[in-house]
Amino acid sequence: MQEAKRQPARRHPYKGKRPINTAAAPSRNAAPPAPPPRVATPPLTEQVPLDTPRFADLAKENLIHPIMLQTITQDLKFDHMMPVQAATLHDLLAKRIDVLAQAKTGTGKTIAFLLPAIQTLLNKNRKPGSGVSLLVISPTRELAMQIAKEATALLKRMPQYQISFAIGGTNKTTEEKKILAGCDILIATPGRLLDHLSDERVRGCFRNLDTLVLDEADRLLDMGFMNDLKKIVAYLPDKAKSNRQGMLFSATIAPHVEKVAHLVLSKDYKFISTIPKGDLNTHERVPQHLIVVPTFSDVAAALVGSLRSEIALEGPATFKAIIFAPTAALADFYGEVLSAMPGLGNVSVLHSRVSQGKRTSVTNAFREAKHGTLVATDVVARGMDFPSVTNVFQVGIPMDKESYIHRLGRTARAGREGRGTFIHAADETFFSKYTLKEIAFEKTEADVSAKNEVRAIASRMESQAKTYQAWLGYYKGHAKSMGWDTARLVHEGNRFALDGLCAPEVPAINKSTVGKMGLKGVPGLTVRPDPPREHKARGGGEGRAGGRGRGY
């Protein structure tokens, strides 16, 4: 099989393992093709060197079923492999080794794990409906649905194999029926999957599990899913006896990724990196503007001013932006403000409290849109591929440095240019000054000329109490870094409620909620008695840990 050119290996942080860096460089003598062949990652997200292997090469060693090859080359019209596919597919198919692969989002990794897993399903002559052969665990519903879409495309000529979901926000009973009826490929988020595995009948469907994949492994851990993953693995058949294949794909390799690697991979797993040595990260090559406003009440107006400036610079026909907010309530607040402002184009909102049906429609619409603005929480910061995003705005400080960088990575993709804008209040300066000290921000003066417009819109909202409460909960987690005690937190929250949200008075908070927030007895709060308890059925959601502590 033809191999991609290899860069010198870099030392891997784990126990002497060395990564195999397979980023290929274009041949100097190769004439540029016209037009270039398509590569295996729908949609096309980066230019691929034409000296990477072709999918047809896999057929020479009988590594891929003829029908699969026809689907890839004729239906999907893929020719050359992406670097991550060239680096992993041969070993995954020929040797069925376990792999930890480092690859950026949007580089074709979904095909890299789906193709070997489906080929295993075919090689073992699994009859349709004989149980789950491939289990893919994803951090978010949107990414899970994106994976399922690509799996459906690969199995276009073999519709007898069934693909199902186990994700929050959908009907659990319907999911259960599909799994029990004979699901061959299951794509799941951890919390919902764990719920299903508590049923012995569902556990029985995994008796023939051939492949386990963790996609965006670093994000799964960042979201607090480690304990759920341990429980899930404990429910599955013993790896040594079942001889299932394990794959982990991760954009970053941090120490905690090693823990989950040893949980699901064999001891002699192979680590492969497809990120070229010295390749600049997004935060090193994207211009980033920093706007600091005096108070939290000025943030929304500064966002409007910055949006207007960037739209004028880019042009409304191609301006496509994602605005990241700290909490779902603040995302709704900014979304409502921007939607009421003239000249800002179409504005949509996405977070985990939006119904699953609407989340799907918003995600699909924004992916296809040529222009527009999406206000979101971190639910879309990783894993989702939205083409042609020109700008990323981060309004208020994120949870940590990694979140900032992952959010910024939604722009400047596929070789395109992009711009980042970070807007925060003066009290949040510690984050841009110290947490992000290596980033060379371009300081930009705030345009808060829209403040009266923002106040007029905010005064008509009915969500002031919800936004105020979410603000207090989120910034309590950052109070120590800002040098605040709880009294200062409440004082600043009240100021934001009255001046920024234009509430007629400080909103009241239920007594039990105040206790849970750790604010009992803090002066300045308006506390009201708890309403009579009502029994509520357990709902969906991303899972037990989905969005834990992140205000989604």
Protein backbone atom coordinates (compact mmCIF):
# COMPACT_ATOMS: atom_id res chain seq x y z
CA MET A 1 0.00 0.00 0.00
CA GLN A 2 1.18 3.48 -0.82
CA GLU A 3 2.08 5.42 2.30
CA ALA A 4 1.99 9.11 3.04
CA LYS A 5 5.34 10.78 3.65
CA ARG A 6 6.33 10.83 7.29
CA GLN A 7 7.68 13.67 9.38
CA PRO A 8 10.27 12.96 12.10
CA ALA A 9 8.58 11.46 15.13
CA ARG A 10 8.03 13.56 18.21
CA ARG A 11 8.35 12.20 21.72
CA HIS A 12 5.04 11.17 23.17
CA PRO A 13 4.32 12.02 26.80
CA TYR A 14 3.24 8.50 27.72
CA LYS A 15 5.66 5.89 28.98
CA GLY A 16 8.08 5.92 26.10
CA LYS A 17 5.47 5.46 23.37
CA ARG A 18 6.36 7.36 20.23
CA PRO A 19 3.76 8.99 18.01
CA ILE A 20 3.79 8.27 14.32
CA ASN A 21 3.47 11.63 12.58
CA THR A 22 2.00 11.11 9.16
CA ALA A 23 1.32 14.61 7.90
CA ALA A 24 2.13 14.38 4.23
CA ALA A 25 3.82 17.12 2.24
CA PRO A 26 2.94 17.81 -1.38
CA SER A 27 5.44 16.64 -3.96
CA ARG A 28 7.45 19.53 -5.36
CA ASN A 29 7.30 18.09 -8.85
CA ALA A 30 3.59 17.38 -8.84
CA ALA A 31 1.56 19.56 -11.15
CA PRO A 32 -1.56 20.99 -9.51
CA PRO A 33 -4.62 19.03 -10.64
CA ALA A 34 -7.67 20.64 -12.14
CA PRO A 35 -10.06 19.90 -10.65
CA PRO A 36 -8.64 18.12 -7.56
CA PRO A 37 -10.18 14.74 -6.65
CA ARG A 38 -12.47 14.64 -3.69
CA VAL A 39 -11.23 13.32 -0.37
CA ALA A 40 -13.00 11.36 2.31
CA THR A 41 -14.55 13.79 4.68
CA PRO A 42 -17.97 15.21 3.92
CA PRO A 43 -17.92 18.17 3.73
CA LEU A 44 -14.43 18.83 2.35
CA THR A 45 -12.61 20.64 5.12
CA GLU A 46 -8.98 20.88 4.12
CA GLN A 47 -6.81 20.51 1.07
CA VAL A 48 -5.15 17.10 0.92
CA PRO A 49 -1.78 16.22 -0.60
CA LEU A 50 -2.34 14.13 -3.72
CA ASP A 51 0.41 11.67 -2.80
CA THR A 52 -1.67 10.18 0.00
CA PRO A 53 -3.02 6.70 -0.77
CA ARG A 54 -6.19 6.15 -2.72
CA PHE A 55 -9.08 4.15 -1.33
CA ALA A 56 -8.72 1.88 -4.33
CA ASP A 57 -5.34 0.82 -2.89
CA LEU A 58 -7.16 -0.93 -0.04
CA ALA A 59 -8.80 -3.28 -2.53
CA LYS A 60 -5.41 -4.54 -3.75
CA GLU A 61 -4.93 -6.30 -0.40
CA ASN A 62 -8.61 -7.26 -0.09
CA LEU A 63 -8.90 -5.04 2.96
CA ILE A 64 -12.20 -3.51 1.96
CA HIS A 65 -15.43 -5.09 0.76
CA PRO A 66 -16.13 -4.40 -2.94
CA ILE A 67 -19.51 -2.86 -2.12
CA MET A 68 -17.88 -0.51 0.40
CA LEU A 69 -15.30 0.51 -2.18
CA GLN A 70 -18.05 1.21 -4.71
CA THR A 71 -19.89 3.33 -2.16
CA ILE A 72 -16.78 5.35 -1.36
CA THR A 73 -15.50 5.88 -4.86
CA GLN A 74 -18.72 5.96 -6.90
CA ASP A 75 -21.43 7.26 -4.58
CA LEU A 76 -19.39 9.52 -2.29
CA LYS A 77 -16.82 10.13 -5.03
CA PHE A 78 -13.85 10.02 -2.67
CA ASP A 79 -10.46 9.36 -4.22
CA HIS A 80 -7.44 10.16 -2.06
CA MET A 81 -7.43 9.64 1.69
CA MET A 82 -7.11 12.42 4.22
CA PRO A 83 -3.88 12.24 6.28
CA VAL A 84 -5.62 10.73 9.34
CA GLN A 85 -7.14 8.04 7.11
CA ALA A 86 -3.82 7.33 5.41
CA ALA A 87 -2.19 7.05 8.83
CA THR A 88 -4.68 4.69 10.42
CA LEU A 89 -6.77 2.72 7.94
CA HIS A 90 -4.23 0.11 6.85
CA ASP A 91 -3.33 -0.94 10.39
CA LEU A 92 -6.92 -0.77 11.58
CA LEU A 93 -8.09 -2.94 8.70
CA ALA A 94 -5.19 -5.35 8.24
CA LYS A 95 -4.08 -5.83 11.85
CA ARG A 96 -7.17 -4.78 13.85
CA ILE A 97 -4.88 -2.99 16.30
CA ASP A 98 -6.08 -0.57 18.94
CA VAL A 99 -5.27 3.05 18.15
CA LEU A 100 -5.13 6.39 19.92
CA ALA A 101 -5.13 8.93 17.11
CA GLN A 102 -4.48 12.62 17.49
CA ALA A 103 -6.27 14.51 14.75
CA LYS A 104 -7.87 17.88 14.41
CA THR A 105 -11.63 18.15 14.15
CA GLY A 106 -12.80 18.24 10.55
CA THR A 107 -9.95 16.20 9.08
CA GLY A 108 -11.79 13.02 8.10
CA LYS A 109 -11.45 11.03 11.30
CA THR A 110 -15.08 9.86 11.24
CA ILE A 111 -14.44 7.83 8.08
CA ALA A 112 -11.18 6.64 9.66
CA PHE A 113 -13.06 4.80 12.42
CA LEU A 114 -16.32 3.97 10.66
CA LEU A 115 -14.76 2.17 7.70
CA PRO A 116 -12.73 -0.41 9.73
CA ALA A 117 -15.65 -0.98 12.09
CA ILE A 118 -18.10 -1.64 9.25
CA GLN A 119 -15.55 -3.87 7.52
CA THR A 120 -15.26 -5.92 10.73
CA LEU A 121 -19.03 -6.26 10.79
CA LEU A 122 -18.88 -7.65 7.25
CA ASN A 123 -15.83 -9.87 7.83
CA LYS A 124 -17.50 -11.59 10.78
CA ASN A 125 -20.62 -12.25 8.72
CA ARG A 126 -22.82 -10.72 11.35
CA LYS A 127 -26.39 -11.18 10.35
CA PRO A 128 -28.38 -7.94 10.48
CA GLY A 129 -30.05 -7.60 13.85
CA SER A 130 -27.65 -9.89 15.75
CA GLY A 131 -26.72 -7.15 18.21
CA VAL A 132 -24.54 -4.06 18.38
CA SER A 133 -21.29 -4.56 16.46
CA LEU A 134 -20.05 -0.96 16.64
CA LEU A 135 -20.52 1.40 19.58
CA VAL A 136 -19.42 5.01 19.13
CA ILE A 137 -19.45 7.28 22.18
CA SER A 138 -19.65 11.01 21.45
CA PRO A 139 -19.65 13.99 23.83
CA THR A 140 -22.66 15.76 22.29
CA ARG A 141 -25.90 14.96 20.53
CA GLU A 142 -25.01 17.07 17.51
CA LEU A 143 -21.73 15.26 16.93
CA ALA A 144 -23.48 11.91 17.41
CA MET A 145 -26.00 12.80 14.71
CA GLN A 146 -23.22 13.95 12.40
CA ILE A 147 -21.47 10.58 12.84
CA ALA A 148 -24.70 8.73 12.15
CA LYS A 149 -25.17 10.70 8.94
CA GLU A 150 -21.76 9.58 7.67
CA ALA A 151 -22.40 5.98 8.74
CA THR A 152 -25.68 6.03 6.81
CA ALA A 153 -23.84 7.27 3.72
CA LEU A 154 -21.27 4.47 3.99
CA LEU A 155 -24.02 1.85 4.30
CA LYS A 156 -26.08 3.26 1.45
CA ARG A 157 -25.75 0.03 -0.56
CA MET A 158 -26.34 -2.18 2.50
CA PRO A 159 -29.53 -0.81 4.07
CA GLN A 160 -30.13 -4.07 5.93
CA TYR A 161 -27.76 -2.85 8.65
CA GLN A 162 -29.44 -0.57 11.17
CA ILE A 163 -27.98 2.57 12.77
CA SER A 164 -29.51 3.89 15.99
CA PHE A 165 -29.02 6.69 18.53
CA ALA A 166 -28.83 6.78 22.30
CA ILE A 167 -28.72 10.50 22.98
CA GLY A 168 -30.38 12.85 25.45
CA GLY A 169 -33.37 14.92 24.39
CA THR A 170 -35.08 12.11 22.49
CA ASN A 171 -37.66 9.55 23.58
CA LYS A 172 -35.84 6.90 25.60
CA THR A 173 -38.51 4.25 25.06
CA THR A 174 -38.32 4.67 21.28
CA GLU A 175 -34.54 4.36 21.43
CA GLU A 176 -34.83 1.22 23.54
CA LYS A 177 -37.20 -0.43 21.09
CA LYS A 178 -34.82 0.23 18.18
CA ILE A 179 -31.85 -1.17 20.10
CA LEU A 180 -33.73 -4.29 21.13
CA ALA A 181 -35.16 -4.76 17.62
CA GLY A 182 -31.70 -5.25 16.17
CA CYS A 183 -29.32 -2.31 16.05
CA ASP A 184 -25.97 -2.98 14.35
CA ILE A 185 -24.34 0.41 14.91
CA LEU A 186 -25.13 2.51 17.97
CA ILE A 187 -23.95 6.09 18.41
CA ALA A 188 -24.44 7.40 21.92
CA THR A 189 -23.76 10.11 24.44
CA PRO A 190 -22.48 8.72 27.77
CA GLY A 191 -25.32 9.67 30.11
CA ARG A 192 -28.12 8.27 27.99
CA LEU A 193 -26.12 5.16 27.13
CA LEU A 194 -25.56 4.46 30.81
CA ASP A 195 -29.30 4.81 31.41
CA HIS A 196 -29.97 2.16 28.76
CA LEU A 197 -27.30 -0.19 30.07
CA SER A 198 -29.07 -0.41 33.42
CA ASP A 199 -31.55 -2.65 31.57
CA GLU A 200 -30.35 -6.26 31.33
CA ARG A 201 -32.11 -6.72 27.98
CA VAL A 202 -30.15 -3.83 26.46
CA ARG A 203 -26.88 -5.14 27.91
CA GLY A 204 -27.55 -8.38 26.09
CA CYS A 205 -27.50 -6.53 22.78
CA PHE A 206 -23.77 -5.88 23.26
CA ARG A 207 -22.81 -9.56 23.50
CA ASN A 208 -21.27 -9.42 19.99
CA LEU A 209 -19.60 -6.02 20.30
CA ASP A 210 -16.73 -5.89 17.80
CA THR A 211 -15.61 -2.26 17.97
CA LEU A 212 -15.66 0.49 20.61
CA VAL A 213 -14.86 4.06 19.57
CA LEU A 214 -14.48 7.15 21.73
CA ASP A 215 -14.66 10.25 19.55
CA GLU A 216 -13.41 13.59 20.89
CA ALA A 217 -12.00 11.72 23.88
CA ASP A 218 -10.49 14.85 25.42
CA ARG A 219 -13.84 16.60 25.27
CA LEU A 220 -15.59 13.62 26.89
CA LEU A 221 -13.20 13.95 29.82
CA ASP A 222 -13.39 17.75 29.95
CA MET A 223 -17.17 17.41 30.33
CA GLY A 224 -16.77 15.14 33.35
CA PHE A 225 -17.72 11.82 31.79
CA MET A 226 -14.85 9.69 33.17
CA ASN A 227 -16.96 7.96 35.82
CA ASP A 228 -19.75 7.27 33.33
CA LEU A 229 -17.22 5.82 30.88
CA LYS A 230 -15.86 3.50 33.56
CA LYS A 231 -19.36 2.25 34.34
CA ILE A 232 -20.16 1.78 30.65
CA VAL A 233 -17.01 -0.29 30.05
CA ALA A 234 -17.84 -2.40 33.10
CA TYR A 235 -21.23 -3.25 31.57
CA LEU A 236 -19.69 -4.31 28.25
CA PRO A 237 -18.29 -7.82 27.60
CA ASP A 238 -14.74 -8.36 28.81
CA LYS A 239 -12.34 -6.96 26.23
CA ALA A 240 -9.82 -9.81 26.51
CA LYS A 241 -12.50 -12.43 25.86
CA SER A 242 -14.39 -10.58 23.15
CA ASN A 243 -11.26 -9.39 21.32
CA ARG A 244 -13.03 -6.20 20.34
CA GLN A 245 -11.11 -3.40 18.68
CA GLY A 246 -10.73 -0.07 20.44
CA MET A 247 -10.16 3.35 18.93
CA LEU A 248 -9.75 6.77 20.55
CA PHE A 249 -9.70 9.96 18.53
CA SER A 250 -8.70 13.19 20.22
CA ALA A 251 -7.73 16.65 19.02
CA THR A 252 -5.46 17.22 22.00
CA ILE A 253 -3.38 14.81 24.02
CA ALA A 254 -3.44 15.69 27.70
CA PRO A 255 -2.46 13.50 30.68
CA HIS A 256 -6.06 12.59 31.49
CA VAL A 257 -6.49 11.09 28.02
CA GLU A 258 -4.03 8.36 29.01
CA LYS A 259 -6.39 7.21 31.74
CA VAL A 260 -9.26 6.62 29.37
CA ALA A 261 -6.88 5.08 26.80
CA HIS A 262 -5.91 2.37 29.26
CA LEU A 263 -9.59 1.90 30.07
CA VAL A 264 -10.69 1.00 26.54
CA LEU A 265 -7.54 0.12 24.57
CA SER A 266 -5.18 -2.84 24.78
CA LYS A 267 -1.83 -2.32 26.52
CA ASP A 268 0.07 -2.36 23.25
CA TYR A 269 -2.09 0.25 21.54
CA LYS A 270 -0.54 2.41 18.85
CA PHE A 271 -0.38 6.20 19.16
CA ILE A 272 -0.57 8.08 15.86
CA SER A 273 -0.40 11.84 15.42
CA THR A 274 -1.52 13.49 12.21
CA ILE A 275 -0.76 17.02 13.36
CA PRO A 276 2.50 18.18 11.74
CA LYS A 277 5.33 19.21 14.01
CA GLY A 278 5.33 22.97 14.29
CA ASP A 279 1.84 23.25 12.83
CA LEU A 280 0.34 26.45 14.18
CA ASN A 281 -2.72 26.10 16.34
CA THR A 282 -5.73 28.25 15.52
CA HIS A 283 -5.05 30.62 18.42
CA GLU A 284 -1.57 31.30 17.04
CA ARG A 285 -2.65 32.28 13.53
CA VAL A 286 -6.06 33.93 13.94
CA PRO A 287 -6.20 37.68 14.68
CA GLN A 288 -7.84 38.11 18.08
CA HIS A 289 -9.36 41.35 19.26
CA LEU A 290 -9.84 42.12 22.94
CA ILE A 291 -12.60 44.45 24.06
CA VAL A 292 -12.79 45.30 27.76
CA VAL A 293 -15.80 47.22 29.07
CA PRO A 294 -16.18 48.89 32.48
CA THR A 295 -19.10 46.80 33.77
CA PHE A 296 -21.05 43.65 32.95
CA SER A 297 -23.97 45.86 31.95
CA ASP A 298 -21.90 47.20 29.02
CA VAL A 299 -21.11 43.79 27.51
CA ALA A 300 -24.25 43.40 25.36
CA ALA A 301 -23.88 46.87 23.85
CA ALA A 302 -20.20 46.20 23.10
CA LEU A 303 -21.21 42.96 21.37
CA VAL A 304 -23.68 44.81 19.15
CA GLY A 305 -21.06 47.44 18.30
CA SER A 306 -18.44 44.82 17.49
CA LEU A 307 -20.88 42.81 15.35
CA ARG A 308 -21.78 45.86 13.32
CA SER A 309 -18.11 46.64 12.76
CA GLU A 310 -17.24 43.08 11.70
CA ILE A 311 -20.25 42.80 9.38
CA ALA A 312 -19.18 46.02 7.67
CA LEU A 313 -15.63 44.67 7.34
CA GLU A 314 -16.58 41.21 6.04
CA GLY A 315 -19.74 42.11 4.15
CA PRO A 316 -23.21 40.86 5.13
CA ALA A 317 -23.36 38.35 2.26
CA THR A 318 -20.49 36.25 3.68
CA PHE A 319 -20.44 37.20 7.39
CA LYS A 320 -21.02 34.01 9.38
CA ALA A 321 -20.37 34.11 13.12
CA ILE A 322 -20.67 32.04 16.27
CA ILE A 323 -21.12 33.92 19.55
CA PHE A 324 -20.25 31.92 22.66
CA ALA A 325 -22.01 32.80 25.91
CA PRO A 326 -21.22 31.38 29.38
CA THR A 327 -24.73 30.08 30.13
CA ALA A 328 -27.87 29.02 28.30
CA ALA A 329 -29.79 31.93 29.85
CA LEU A 330 -27.21 34.46 28.65
CA ALA A 331 -27.22 32.85 25.20
CA ASP A 332 -30.99 33.37 25.10
CA PHE A 333 -30.55 36.97 26.31
CA TYR A 334 -27.97 37.86 23.66
CA GLY A 335 -29.98 36.04 21.02
CA GLU A 336 -33.10 38.03 21.83
CA VAL A 337 -31.19 41.32 21.86
CA LEU A 338 -29.49 40.67 18.53
CA SER A 339 -32.66 39.41 16.86
CA ALA A 340 -34.38 42.70 17.72
CA MET A 341 -31.51 44.82 16.36
CA PRO A 342 -31.79 46.03 12.75
CA GLY A 343 -29.07 45.16 10.28
CA LEU A 344 -27.63 42.10 12.08
CA GLY A 345 -29.16 39.46 9.82
CA ASN A 346 -30.52 36.09 10.88
CA VAL A 347 -29.76 35.12 14.48
CA SER A 348 -30.34 31.65 15.99
CA VAL A 349 -29.65 30.17 19.42
CA LEU A 350 -28.31 26.75 20.37
CA HIS A 351 -27.75 25.17 23.77
CA SER A 352 -28.69 21.96 25.56
CA ARG A 353 -31.94 23.37 26.92
CA VAL A 354 -33.27 23.83 23.41
CA SER A 355 -35.47 20.88 22.41
CA GLN A 356 -33.73 18.15 20.42
CA GLY A 357 -35.88 18.75 17.36
CA LYS A 358 -35.06 22.44 17.29
CA ARG A 359 -31.38 21.79 18.00
CA THR A 360 -31.25 19.55 14.97
CA SER A 361 -32.98 22.06 12.70
CA VAL A 362 -30.83 24.97 13.95
CA THR A 363 -27.63 22.95 13.53
CA ASN A 364 -28.52 21.87 9.99
CA ALA A 365 -29.68 25.33 8.96
CA PHE A 366 -26.54 27.06 10.24
CA ARG A 367 -24.29 24.45 8.65
CA GLU A 368 -25.87 25.11 5.24
CA ALA A 369 -26.15 28.89 5.65
CA LYS A 370 -23.88 31.22 3.70
CA HIS A 371 -24.26 33.94 6.32
CA GLY A 372 -25.87 34.51 9.72
CA THR A 373 -25.12 34.40 13.43
CA LEU A 374 -25.40 31.54 15.92
CA VAL A 375 -25.44 32.29 19.66
CA ALA A 376 -24.41 29.19 21.58
CA THR A 377 -22.88 27.66 24.67
CA ASP A 378 -19.98 25.21 24.63
CA VAL A 379 -22.32 22.51 23.31
CA VAL A 380 -21.00 23.38 19.82
CA ALA A 381 -17.43 24.30 20.77
CA ARG A 382 -16.00 20.92 19.86
CA GLY A 383 -16.68 18.31 17.25
CA MET A 384 -19.18 20.23 15.14
CA ASP A 385 -18.07 21.33 11.71
CA PHE A 386 -19.74 24.51 10.50
CA PRO A 387 -18.21 25.54 7.16
CA SER A 388 -17.18 29.11 6.34
CA VAL A 389 -17.44 30.64 9.83
CA THR A 390 -15.70 34.00 9.47
CA ASN A 391 -15.88 35.20 13.08
CA VAL A 392 -15.98 33.82 16.59
CA PHE A 393 -17.08 36.06 19.46
CA GLN A 394 -16.59 35.05 23.07
CA VAL A 395 -18.73 37.14 25.40
CA GLY A 396 -17.70 36.79 29.03
CA ILE A 397 -14.93 34.50 30.22
CA PRO A 398 -15.13 30.77 29.38
CA MET A 399 -14.59 28.01 31.95
CA ASP A 400 -10.90 27.61 31.14
CA LYS A 401 -8.15 28.19 28.58
CA GLU A 402 -8.95 25.00 26.68
CA SER A 403 -12.55 26.12 26.18
CA TYR A 404 -11.37 29.45 24.78
CA ILE A 405 -9.09 27.74 22.26
CA HIS A 406 -11.67 25.12 21.23
CA ARG A 407 -14.26 27.84 20.67
CA LEU A 408 -11.86 29.86 18.55
CA GLY A 409 -11.23 26.75 16.47
CA ARG A 410 -14.70 27.05 14.92
CA THR A 411 -13.26 29.65 12.54
CA ALA A 412 -10.25 29.72 10.18
CA ARG A 413 -10.92 26.15 9.09
CA ALA A 414 -9.97 24.46 5.83
CA GLY A 415 -7.26 27.00 5.12
CA ARG A 416 -9.68 29.92 5.35
CA GLU A 417 -9.09 33.12 7.25
CA GLY A 418 -11.01 34.00 10.39
CA ARG A 419 -11.16 36.52 13.20
CA GLY A 420 -11.75 36.22 16.92
CA THR A 421 -13.22 38.78 19.32
CA PHE A 422 -13.12 38.43 23.10
CA ILE A 423 -15.41 40.76 25.05
CA HIS A 424 -15.40 40.88 28.83
CA ALA A 425 -15.89 43.20 31.78
CA ALA A 426 -12.99 44.86 33.59
CA ASP A 427 -13.40 42.50 36.56
CA GLU A 428 -12.67 39.55 34.25
CA THR A 429 -9.30 40.91 33.10
CA PHE A 430 -7.40 38.18 34.94
CA PHE A 431 -8.44 35.74 32.24
CA SER A 432 -7.12 37.61 29.21
CA LYS A 433 -4.07 38.91 31.09
CA TYR A 434 -2.92 35.76 32.88
CA THR A 435 -4.84 32.67 31.72
CA LEU A 436 -4.29 33.62 28.07
CA LYS A 437 -0.97 35.38 28.59
CA GLU A 438 0.66 33.82 25.52
CA ILE A 439 -1.98 35.26 23.15
CA ALA A 440 -1.09 38.55 21.51
CA PHE A 441 -4.46 40.28 21.64
CA GLU A 442 -5.14 43.37 19.57
CA LYS A 443 -6.84 45.69 22.04
CA THR A 444 -9.87 47.37 20.52
CA GLU A 445 -11.93 50.20 21.94
CA ALA A 446 -15.48 49.23 22.85
CA ASP A 447 -18.35 50.70 20.85
CA VAL A 448 -21.25 50.89 23.29
CA SER A 449 -23.34 53.33 21.26
CA ALA A 450 -26.16 50.77 21.17
CA LYS A 451 -26.58 50.76 24.95
CA ASN A 452 -29.93 52.58 24.95
CA GLU A 453 -31.23 50.23 22.25
CA VAL A 454 -30.11 47.22 24.28
CA ARG A 455 -31.74 48.57 27.44
CA ALA A 456 -35.03 49.15 25.63
CA ILE A 457 -35.06 45.56 24.36
CA ALA A 458 -33.99 44.10 27.71
CA SER A 459 -36.70 45.99 29.60
CA ARG A 460 -39.37 44.14 27.61
CA MET A 461 -37.98 40.66 28.31
CA GLU A 462 -39.64 38.21 30.66
CA SER A 463 -36.45 36.21 31.32
CA GLN A 464 -34.63 38.71 33.55
CA ALA A 465 -34.93 36.58 36.70
CA LYS A 466 -33.66 33.44 34.96
CA THR A 467 -30.71 35.29 33.40
CA TYR A 468 -29.81 36.94 36.72
CA GLN A 469 -29.84 33.62 38.58
CA ALA A 470 -27.71 31.92 35.90
CA TRP A 471 -25.26 34.85 36.00
CA LEU A 472 -24.84 34.47 39.78
CA GLY A 473 -24.32 30.72 39.49
CA TYR A 474 -21.72 31.01 36.75
CA TYR A 475 -19.67 33.84 38.20
CA LYS A 476 -19.66 32.31 41.67
CA GLY A 477 -17.28 29.77 40.13
CA HIS A 478 -14.93 32.58 39.08
CA ALA A 479 -15.40 34.85 42.12
CA LYS A 480 -12.13 33.85 43.77
CA SER A 481 -10.13 34.58 40.62
CA MET A 482 -11.75 38.01 40.40
CA GLY A 483 -11.00 38.71 44.06
CA TRP A 484 -14.67 38.75 45.05
CA ASP A 485 -16.35 37.50 48.17
CA THR A 486 -20.00 36.43 48.05
CA ALA A 487 -21.21 39.89 49.09
CA ARG A 488 -19.37 41.46 46.13
CA LEU A 489 -20.74 38.75 43.84
CA VAL A 490 -24.31 39.55 44.83
CA HIS A 491 -23.65 43.30 44.59
CA GLU A 492 -22.33 42.97 41.03
CA GLY A 493 -25.12 40.57 40.10
CA ASN A 494 -27.75 43.01 41.35
CA ARG A 495 -26.09 45.83 39.43
CA PHE A 496 -26.18 43.70 36.27
CA ALA A 497 -29.85 42.83 36.85
CA LEU A 498 -30.92 46.45 37.25
CA ASP A 499 -28.61 48.17 34.73
CA GLY A 500 -27.88 45.41 32.20
CA LEU A 501 -31.10 43.39 32.22
CA CYS A 502 -33.25 46.42 33.11
CA ALA A 503 -35.22 44.46 35.67
CA PRO A 504 -37.63 46.71 37.63
CA GLU A 505 -36.20 45.32 40.88
CA VAL A 506 -33.69 42.71 42.01
CA PRO A 507 -35.26 39.37 40.97
CA ALA A 508 -36.22 36.97 43.74
CA ILE A 509 -34.63 33.52 44.07
CA ASN A 510 -36.17 30.47 45.74
CA LYS A 511 -34.88 29.76 49.22
CA SER A 512 -33.68 26.24 48.35
CA THR A 513 -31.87 27.54 45.26
CA VAL A 514 -30.03 30.13 47.35
CA GLY A 515 -28.87 27.33 49.64
CA LYS A 516 -27.69 25.18 46.74
CA MET A 517 -25.76 28.12 45.34
CA GLY A 518 -23.94 28.58 48.64
CA LEU A 519 -25.32 32.11 49.07
CA LYS A 520 -27.45 31.66 52.18
CA GLY A 521 -27.40 34.76 54.35
CA VAL A 522 -25.59 36.94 51.81
CA PRO A 523 -26.94 40.52 52.01
CA GLY A 524 -28.59 41.96 48.93
CA LEU A 525 -30.43 38.85 47.81
CA THR A 526 -34.19 38.80 47.49
CA VAL A 527 -35.22 35.39 48.81
CA ARG A 528 -38.69 33.95 48.36
CA PRO A 529 -40.26 30.79 49.83
CA ASP A 530 -40.07 27.65 47.74
CA PRO A 531 -43.19 26.83 45.71
CA PRO A 532 -45.08 23.60 46.52
CA ARG A 533 -43.19 20.57 45.23
CA GLU A 534 -44.41 18.92 42.08
CA HIS A 535 -43.38 15.45 40.95
CA LYS A 536 -41.44 15.68 37.69
CA ALA A 537 -40.62 12.76 35.43
CA ARG A 538 -36.96 12.30 34.72
CA GLY A 539 -36.10 14.02 31.47
CA GLY A 540 -33.52 13.57 28.77
CA GLY A 541 -30.53 15.86 28.48
CA GLU A 542 -27.00 15.21 27.48
CA GLY A 543 -26.49 12.79 30.34
CA ARG A 544 -25.61 12.92 33.99
CA ALA A 545 -22.44 14.85 33.43
CA GLY A 546 -23.29 16.73 30.25
CA GLY A 547 -22.60 20.36 30.94
CA ARG A 548 -21.83 19.77 34.61
CA GLY A 549 -20.87 23.12 36.10
CA ARG A 550 -20.86 24.81 32.71
CA GLY A 551 -24.20 26.55 32.76
CA TYR A 552 -25.46 24.97 29.56
